[in-house]
Amino acid sequence: MRIIFLVFLAVCFTCMSVDAQQSWETLSKAHKQVLVNVKEQWAELDTGKQQQLMRGADRWLSMNEQQRTSSTKQFEQWRSLPKEQQQKLQIQYDKFKKLPATQQKKLRDVHKKFNKLPKAQQRALRDKFRQTKQRKQRAIQRKRIRKGGG
């Protein structure tokens, strides 16, 4: 869940509102400061990408300093992951976003509760989850072997 949350933040951080494609010159000073890394490519970006970047910039500008520091740290963690892991996490995030809002809320609530647990208890739960997952995978393999699909 923590990784899903990191993916969520990374996407929020990189996804940056505009109704139509606009020129760099029409952006506010604050938006230009946030989006300075895409200044050279701005004119070539399609409207959808510009809108994404502007939404992200709006979110960034609405954050307090502590939130910005936390987001930056989590984004750096995301960038340090191998590309394969980033892709896998992106798929998980896309699946999460397709869930109904009630299920998303439930998962966020569970994640918050999990993060409040002592680290030792978190490790124990992760281990238990991995063991359960491995048992299920072995059971599925045994069924395949019995059916001759092996």
C-alpha atoms as a PDB file:
ATOM      1  CA  MET A   1       0.000   0.000   0.000  1.00  0.00           C
ATOM      2  CA  ARG A   2       2.842   2.415   0.771  1.00  0.00           C
ATOM      3  CA  ILE A   3       4.176   1.913  -2.712  1.00  0.00           C
ATOM      4  CA  ILE A   4       0.747   2.530  -4.196  1.00  0.00           C
ATOM      5  CA  PHE A   5       0.618   5.750  -2.217  1.00  0.00           C
ATOM      6  CA  LEU A   6       4.067   6.697  -3.508  1.00  0.00           C
ATOM      7  CA  VAL A   7       2.912   6.056  -7.046  1.00  0.00           C
ATOM      8  CA  PHE A   8      -0.158   8.182  -6.395  1.00  0.00           C
ATOM      9  CA  LEU A   9       1.993  11.049  -5.168  1.00  0.00           C
ATOM     10  CA  ALA A  10       4.455  10.670  -7.996  1.00  0.00           C
ATOM     11  CA  VAL A  11       1.697  10.832 -10.551  1.00  0.00           C
ATOM     12  CA  CYS A  12       0.141  13.819  -8.760  1.00  0.00           C
ATOM     13  CA  PHE A  13       3.524  15.520  -8.671  1.00  0.00           C
ATOM     14  CA  THR A  14       4.273  14.939 -12.350  1.00  0.00           C
ATOM     15  CA  CYS A  15       0.742  15.483 -13.615  1.00  0.00           C
ATOM     16  CA  MET A  16       0.351  19.124 -13.801  1.00  0.00           C
ATOM     17  CA  SER A  17      -5.530  23.332 -15.651  1.00  0.00           C
ATOM     18  CA  VAL A  18      -5.998  24.852 -18.801  1.00  0.00           C
ATOM     19  CA  ASP A  19      -9.043  24.684 -21.080  1.00  0.00           C
ATOM     20  CA  ALA A  20      -7.071  24.985 -24.299  1.00  0.00           C
ATOM     21  CA  GLN A  21      -3.449  24.874 -25.312  1.00  0.00           C
ATOM     22  CA  GLN A  22      -1.823  28.051 -24.148  1.00  0.00           C
ATOM     23  CA  SER A  23       1.469  29.726 -24.709  1.00  0.00           C
ATOM     24  CA  TRP A  24       4.195  29.795 -22.082  1.00  0.00           C
ATOM     25  CA  GLU A  25       3.928  33.597 -21.910  1.00  0.00           C
ATOM     26  CA  THR A  26       0.317  33.439 -20.670  1.00  0.00           C
ATOM     27  CA  LEU A  27       1.207  31.342 -17.617  1.00  0.00           C
ATOM     28  CA  SER A  28       1.380  33.028 -14.234  1.00  0.00           C
ATOM     29  CA  LYS A  29       4.795  33.681 -12.699  1.00  0.00           C
ATOM     30  CA  ALA A  30       4.123  31.028 -10.032  1.00  0.00           C
ATOM     31  CA  HIS A  31       3.189  28.428 -12.674  1.00  0.00           C
ATOM     32  CA  LYS A  32       6.283  29.246 -14.710  1.00  0.00           C
ATOM     33  CA  GLN A  33       8.464  28.706 -11.640  1.00  0.00           C
ATOM     34  CA  VAL A  34       6.922  25.276 -10.984  1.00  0.00           C
ATOM     35  CA  LEU A  35       6.980  24.232 -14.640  1.00  0.00           C
ATOM     36  CA  VAL A  36      10.387  25.650 -15.550  1.00  0.00           C
ATOM     37  CA  ASN A  37      11.681  22.161 -16.453  1.00  0.00           C
ATOM     38  CA  VAL A  38       9.202  21.884 -19.346  1.00  0.00           C
ATOM     39  CA  LYS A  39       9.588  25.460 -20.654  1.00  0.00           C
ATOM     40  CA  GLU A  40      11.442  24.400 -23.805  1.00  0.00           C
ATOM     41  CA  GLN A  41       8.907  21.654 -24.655  1.00  0.00           C
ATOM     42  CA  TRP A  42       5.759  23.591 -23.611  1.00  0.00           C
ATOM     43  CA  ALA A  43       4.734  24.688 -27.126  1.00  0.00           C
ATOM     44  CA  GLU A  44       5.039  21.126 -28.470  1.00  0.00           C
ATOM     45  CA  LEU A  45       2.967  19.557 -25.672  1.00  0.00           C
ATOM     46  CA  ASP A  46      -0.596  18.631 -26.561  1.00  0.00           C
ATOM     47  CA  THR A  47      -3.451  20.327 -24.721  1.00  0.00           C
ATOM     48  CA  GLY A  48      -4.096  17.298 -22.507  1.00  0.00           C
ATOM     49  CA  LYS A  49      -0.503  17.172 -21.298  1.00  0.00           C
ATOM     50  CA  GLN A  50      -0.469  20.919 -20.646  1.00  0.00           C
ATOM     51  CA  GLN A  51      -3.662  20.567 -18.623  1.00  0.00           C
ATOM     52  CA  GLN A  52      -2.158  17.701 -16.634  1.00  0.00           C
ATOM     53  CA  LEU A  53       0.933  19.722 -15.878  1.00  0.00           C
ATOM     54  CA  MET A  54      -1.096  22.775 -14.876  1.00  0.00           C
ATOM     55  CA  ARG A  55      -3.252  20.698 -12.495  1.00  0.00           C
ATOM     56  CA  GLY A  56      -0.105  19.313 -10.916  1.00  0.00           C
ATOM     57  CA  ALA A  57       1.351  22.809 -10.615  1.00  0.00           C
ATOM     58  CA  ASP A  58      -1.871  23.989  -8.965  1.00  0.00           C
ATOM     59  CA  ARG A  59      -1.617  21.132  -6.455  1.00  0.00           C
ATOM     60  CA  TRP A  60       2.033  21.952  -5.802  1.00  0.00           C
ATOM     61  CA  LEU A  61       1.248  25.635  -5.248  1.00  0.00           C
ATOM     62  CA  SER A  62      -1.533  24.746  -2.796  1.00  0.00           C
ATOM     63  CA  MET A  63       0.831  22.667  -0.618  1.00  0.00           C
ATOM     64  CA  ASN A  64       2.552  23.951   2.492  1.00  0.00           C
ATOM     65  CA  GLU A  65       6.320  23.599   2.876  1.00  0.00           C
ATOM     66  CA  GLN A  66       6.108  20.339   4.820  1.00  0.00           C
ATOM     67  CA  GLN A  67       3.869  18.777   2.150  1.00  0.00           C
ATOM     68  CA  ARG A  68       6.235  19.940  -0.585  1.00  0.00           C
ATOM     69  CA  THR A  69       9.231  18.455   1.190  1.00  0.00           C
ATOM     70  CA  SER A  70       7.418  15.163   1.694  1.00  0.00           C
ATOM     71  CA  SER A  71       6.249  15.046  -1.930  1.00  0.00           C
ATOM     72  CA  THR A  72       9.726  15.826  -3.223  1.00  0.00           C
ATOM     73  CA  LYS A  73      11.235  13.057  -1.108  1.00  0.00           C
ATOM     74  CA  GLN A  74       8.624  10.543  -2.258  1.00  0.00           C
ATOM     75  CA  PHE A  75       9.048  11.580  -5.886  1.00  0.00           C
ATOM     76  CA  GLU A  76      12.793  11.026  -5.601  1.00  0.00           C
ATOM     77  CA  GLN A  77      12.130   7.577  -4.125  1.00  0.00           C
ATOM     78  CA  TRP A  78       9.892   6.857  -7.117  1.00  0.00           C
ATOM     79  CA  ARG A  79      12.538   8.010  -9.597  1.00  0.00           C
ATOM     80  CA  SER A  80      15.174   5.820  -7.948  1.00  0.00           C
ATOM     81  CA  LEU A  81      13.122   2.668  -8.576  1.00  0.00           C
ATOM     82  CA  PRO A  82      14.020   0.455 -11.535  1.00  0.00           C
ATOM     83  CA  LYS A  83      11.863   1.130 -14.616  1.00  0.00           C
ATOM     84  CA  GLU A  84      10.258  -2.331 -14.363  1.00  0.00           C
ATOM     85  CA  GLN A  85       9.122  -1.628 -10.817  1.00  0.00           C
ATOM     86  CA  GLN A  86       7.835   1.811 -11.817  1.00  0.00           C
ATOM     87  CA  GLN A  87       5.792   0.198 -14.605  1.00  0.00           C
ATOM     88  CA  LYS A  88       4.424  -2.456 -12.262  1.00  0.00           C
ATOM     89  CA  LEU A  89       3.436   0.194  -9.733  1.00  0.00           C
ATOM     90  CA  GLN A  90       1.851   2.315 -12.453  1.00  0.00           C
ATOM     91  CA  ILE A  91      -0.327  -0.661 -13.421  1.00  0.00           C
ATOM     92  CA  GLN A  92      -1.334  -1.140  -9.787  1.00  0.00           C
ATOM     93  CA  TYR A  93      -2.128   2.562  -9.497  1.00  0.00           C
ATOM     94  CA  ASP A  94      -4.245   2.442 -12.680  1.00  0.00           C
ATOM     95  CA  LYS A  95      -6.168  -0.519 -11.254  1.00  0.00           C
ATOM     96  CA  PHE A  96      -6.675   1.375  -8.004  1.00  0.00           C
ATOM     97  CA  LYS A  97      -8.039   4.425  -9.878  1.00  0.00           C
ATOM     98  CA  LYS A  98     -10.569   2.187 -11.659  1.00  0.00           C
ATOM     99  CA  LEU A  99     -12.018   1.021  -8.345  1.00  0.00           C
ATOM    100  CA  PRO A 100     -15.229   2.625  -7.106  1.00  0.00           C
ATOM    101  CA  ALA A 101     -14.661   5.611  -4.811  1.00  0.00           C
ATOM    102  CA  THR A 102     -15.943   3.652  -1.805  1.00  0.00           C
ATOM    103  CA  GLN A 103     -13.332   0.930  -2.309  1.00  0.00           C
ATOM    104  CA  GLN A 104     -10.592   3.512  -2.820  1.00  0.00           C
ATOM    105  CA  LYS A 105     -11.580   5.193   0.453  1.00  0.00           C
ATOM    106  CA  LYS A 106     -11.619   1.861   2.259  1.00  0.00           C
ATOM    107  CA  LEU A 107      -8.119   1.048   0.999  1.00  0.00           C
ATOM    108  CA  ARG A 108      -6.818   4.490   1.999  1.00  0.00           C
ATOM    109  CA  ASP A 109      -8.313   4.047   5.483  1.00  0.00           C
ATOM    110  CA  VAL A 110      -6.702   0.620   5.859  1.00  0.00           C
ATOM    111  CA  HIS A 111      -3.390   2.094   4.690  1.00  0.00           C
ATOM    112  CA  LYS A 112      -3.619   4.881   7.294  1.00  0.00           C
ATOM    113  CA  LYS A 113      -4.333   2.348  10.050  1.00  0.00           C
ATOM    114  CA  PHE A 114      -1.456   0.178   8.887  1.00  0.00           C
ATOM    115  CA  ASN A 115       0.963   3.135   8.955  1.00  0.00           C
ATOM    116  CA  LYS A 116      -0.038   3.916  12.555  1.00  0.00           C
ATOM    117  CA  LEU A 117       0.979   0.427  13.698  1.00  0.00           C
ATOM    118  CA  PRO A 118       4.399  -0.114  15.279  1.00  0.00           C
ATOM    119  CA  LYS A 119       7.065  -1.052  12.714  1.00  0.00           C
ATOM    120  CA  ALA A 120       7.445  -4.561  14.155  1.00  0.00           C
ATOM    121  CA  GLN A 121       3.730  -5.204  13.757  1.00  0.00           C
ATOM    122  CA  GLN A 122       3.842  -3.857  10.191  1.00  0.00           C
ATOM    123  CA  ARG A 123       6.673  -6.291   9.374  1.00  0.00           C
ATOM    124  CA  ALA A 124       4.765  -9.181  10.919  1.00  0.00           C
ATOM    125  CA  LEU A 125       1.673  -8.363   8.870  1.00  0.00           C
ATOM    126  CA  ARG A 126       3.733  -8.071   5.667  1.00  0.00           C
ATOM    127  CA  ASP A 127       5.317 -11.451   6.360  1.00  0.00           C
ATOM    128  CA  LYS A 128       1.934 -13.003   7.055  1.00  0.00           C
ATOM    129  CA  PHE A 129       0.550 -11.525   3.820  1.00  0.00           C
ATOM    130  CA  ARG A 130       3.497 -12.874   1.804  1.00  0.00           C
ATOM    131  CA  GLN A 131       3.107 -16.330   3.331  1.00  0.00           C
ATOM    132  CA  THR A 132      -0.621 -16.356   2.595  1.00  0.00           C
ATOM    133  CA  LYS A 133       0.017 -15.222  -0.966  1.00  0.00           C
ATOM    134  CA  GLN A 134       2.658 -17.932  -1.459  1.00  0.00           C
ATOM    135  CA  ARG A 135       0.296 -20.604  -0.078  1.00  0.00           C
ATOM    136  CA  LYS A 136      -2.421 -19.506  -2.487  1.00  0.00           C
ATOM    137  CA  GLN A 137       0.014 -19.580  -5.413  1.00  0.00           C
ATOM    138  CA  ARG A 138       1.167 -23.102  -4.479  1.00  0.00           C
ATOM    139  CA  ALA A 139      -2.453 -24.258  -4.193  1.00  0.00           C
ATOM    140  CA  ILE A 140      -3.176 -22.897  -7.670  1.00  0.00           C
ATOM    141  CA  GLN A 141      -0.105 -24.672  -9.040  1.00  0.00           C
ATOM    142  CA  ARG A 142      -1.176 -27.963  -7.436  1.00  0.00           C
ATOM    143  CA  LYS A 143      -4.623 -27.634  -9.027  1.00  0.00           C
ATOM    144  CA  ARG A 144      -3.044 -27.063 -12.448  1.00  0.00           C
ATOM    145  CA  ILE A 145      -0.792 -30.067 -12.034  1.00  0.00           C
ATOM    146  CA  ARG A 146      -3.750 -32.278 -11.003  1.00  0.00           C
ATOM    147  CA  LYS A 147      -5.691 -31.102 -14.036  1.00  0.00           C
ATOM    148  CA  GLY A 148      -2.717 -31.840 -16.250  1.00  0.00           C
ATOM    149  CA  GLY A 149      -2.034 -28.231 -17.086  1.00  0.00           C
ATOM    150  CA  GLY A 150       1.217 -28.266 -15.424  1.00  0.00           C
END
